[in-house]
């Protein structure tokens, strides 16, 4: 069964969503590093809650903002048969389980957020390869 490829506009939209997810991931990592450094430098009790929110909660929230964008890309690429179905299912299930476990246990949520951040980097490469494939197909059809 052959499936029609996504139109170039849809591939461009997937690339844009992937790029936004990547920027959010880098932002989450940067906030984590900056606030972690500041929390070590300042030892006053008054600032401890501020640094906890900035060090733990804000970067995790930023990382979780990438989830809907990543899932849109995953399902679009999965429908095209670009990504292996079993790998995608195991990746998403593991990310949800890690997120749920660390959120419910009260421990740091960075493990679950890291799973979603790694999905962003995996999607970036998959979308790049799919885009190159579609562009190659379009040039052979037109030429």
Protein backbone atom coordinates (compact mmCIF):
# COMPACT_ATOMS: atom_id res chain seq x y z
CA UNK A 1 0.00 0.00 0.00
CA UNK A 2 1.53 3.29 -1.07
CA UNK A 3 0.60 6.51 0.62
CA UNK A 4 0.75 9.91 -0.96
CA UNK A 5 3.44 12.15 0.41
CA UNK A 6 2.62 15.25 2.36
CA UNK A 7 2.51 18.44 0.30
CA UNK A 8 5.56 20.71 0.63
CA UNK A 9 3.50 23.19 2.69
CA UNK A 10 2.76 20.51 5.27
CA UNK A 11 6.41 19.46 5.40
CA UNK A 12 7.34 23.13 5.93
CA UNK A 13 4.80 23.33 8.77
CA UNK A 14 6.28 20.21 10.38
CA UNK A 15 9.73 21.74 10.09
CA UNK A 16 8.48 24.94 11.72
CA UNK A 17 6.83 23.03 14.59
CA UNK A 18 10.00 21.01 15.04
CA UNK A 19 12.09 24.19 15.10
CA UNK A 20 9.81 25.75 17.74
CA UNK A 21 10.07 22.61 19.85
CA UNK A 22 13.84 22.67 19.52
CA UNK A 23 14.02 26.32 20.59
CA UNK A 24 11.81 25.60 23.60
CA UNK A 25 14.04 22.64 24.52
CA UNK A 26 17.17 24.77 24.36
CA UNK A 27 15.39 27.45 26.42
CA UNK A 28 14.44 24.89 29.09
CA UNK A 29 18.03 23.67 29.30
CA UNK A 30 19.38 27.23 29.48
CA UNK A 31 16.93 28.25 32.24
CA UNK A 32 17.83 25.10 34.16
CA UNK A 33 21.55 25.83 33.92
CA UNK A 34 21.26 29.54 34.76
CA UNK A 35 18.90 29.10 37.69
CA UNK A 36 20.91 26.13 38.97
CA UNK A 37 24.06 28.24 38.95
CA UNK A 38 22.31 31.14 40.68
CA UNK A 39 20.82 28.88 43.33
CA UNK A 40 24.27 27.58 44.25
CA UNK A 41 25.75 31.07 44.45
CA UNK A 42 23.06 32.53 46.70
CA UNK A 43 22.42 30.70 49.97
CA UNK A 44 19.78 32.95 51.56
CA UNK A 45 16.56 31.31 52.69
CA UNK A 46 14.39 34.08 51.23
CA UNK A 47 15.50 33.28 47.71
CA UNK A 48 15.31 29.49 48.02
CA UNK A 49 11.69 29.20 46.87
CA UNK A 50 12.35 31.53 43.94
CA UNK A 51 15.30 29.43 42.85
CA UNK A 52 13.33 26.20 43.31
CA UNK A 53 10.60 27.48 41.01
CA UNK A 54 13.16 28.80 38.52
CA UNK A 55 15.44 25.77 38.80
CA UNK A 56 12.86 22.98 38.74
CA UNK A 57 9.37 24.09 37.80
CA UNK A 58 9.92 26.62 35.00
CA UNK A 59 12.34 24.53 32.88
CA UNK A 60 10.11 21.47 33.22
CA UNK A 61 7.06 23.50 32.20
CA UNK A 62 8.94 24.85 29.17
CA UNK A 63 10.01 21.32 28.25
CA UNK A 64 6.43 20.08 28.54
CA UNK A 65 5.28 22.81 26.14
CA UNK A 66 7.08 20.84 23.43
CA UNK A 67 4.86 17.78 23.96
CA UNK A 68 1.85 18.81 21.81
CA UNK A 69 4.11 20.11 19.04
CA UNK A 70 6.13 16.91 19.07
CA UNK A 71 3.04 14.70 19.05
CA UNK A 72 1.65 16.53 16.01
CA UNK A 73 4.92 15.86 14.17
CA UNK A 74 5.08 12.25 15.35
CA UNK A 75 1.57 11.39 14.20
CA UNK A 76 2.05 13.11 10.84
CA UNK A 77 5.30 11.21 10.20
CA UNK A 78 3.83 7.99 11.55
CA UNK A 79 0.93 8.26 9.12
CA UNK A 80 3.42 8.63 6.27
CA UNK A 81 5.30 5.54 7.39
CA UNK A 82 8.50 7.49 8.01
CA UNK A 83 8.88 6.46 11.64
CA UNK A 84 8.83 2.84 12.83
CA UNK A 85 5.50 2.26 14.59
CA UNK A 86 6.88 0.09 17.41
CA UNK A 87 9.64 2.54 18.18
CA UNK A 88 7.22 5.47 18.32
CA UNK A 89 4.79 3.62 20.58
CA UNK A 90 7.52 2.53 22.98
CA UNK A 91 9.03 6.02 23.01
CA UNK A 92 5.74 7.77 23.76
CA UNK A 93 4.65 5.21 26.35
CA UNK A 94 8.01 5.42 28.12
CA UNK A 95 7.92 9.23 28.13
CA UNK A 96 4.39 9.25 29.57
CA UNK A 97 5.28 6.64 32.21
CA UNK A 98 8.44 8.49 33.26
CA UNK A 99 6.54 11.77 33.42
CA UNK A 100 3.70 10.27 35.44
CA UNK A 101 5.99 8.41 37.84
CA UNK A 102 8.21 11.36 38.64
CA UNK A 103 5.27 13.77 38.90
CA UNK A 104 3.35 11.48 41.26
CA UNK A 105 6.34 10.52 43.38
CA UNK A 106 7.18 14.17 44.03
CA UNK A 107 10.73 13.78 42.77
CA UNK A 108 12.28 15.94 40.11
CA UNK A 109 10.32 15.92 36.88
CA UNK A 110 13.44 16.35 34.78
CA UNK A 111 13.59 12.68 33.84
CA UNK A 112 10.19 12.84 32.17
CA UNK A 113 10.99 16.19 30.62
CA UNK A 114 14.29 14.81 29.31
CA UNK A 115 12.40 12.02 27.55
CA UNK A 116 10.28 14.60 25.74
CA UNK A 117 13.31 16.73 24.93
CA UNK A 118 15.04 13.72 23.38
CA UNK A 119 11.94 13.14 21.24
CA UNK A 120 12.34 16.67 19.88
CA UNK A 121 15.89 15.96 18.72
CA UNK A 122 14.85 12.63 17.17
CA UNK A 123 12.01 14.33 15.28
CA UNK A 124 14.30 17.07 14.01
CA UNK A 125 16.44 14.52 12.21
CA UNK A 126 13.47 12.47 10.98
CA UNK A 127 11.75 15.55 9.53
CA UNK A 128 14.98 16.65 7.87
CA UNK A 129 15.38 13.26 6.19
CA UNK A 130 11.73 13.12 5.15
CA UNK A 131 11.93 16.63 3.72
CA UNK A 132 15.01 15.70 1.67
CA UNK A 133 13.23 12.57 0.44
CA UNK A 134 10.09 14.46 -0.61
CA UNK A 135 12.15 17.15 -2.35
CA UNK A 136 14.07 14.43 -4.22
CA UNK A 137 10.81 12.78 -5.27
CA UNK A 138 9.36 16.09 -6.45
CA UNK A 139 12.42 16.88 -8.61
CA UNK A 140 12.29 13.44 -10.29
CA UNK A 141 8.56 13.84 -10.99
CA UNK A 142 8.98 17.36 -12.37
CA UNK A 143 12.19 16.63 -14.25
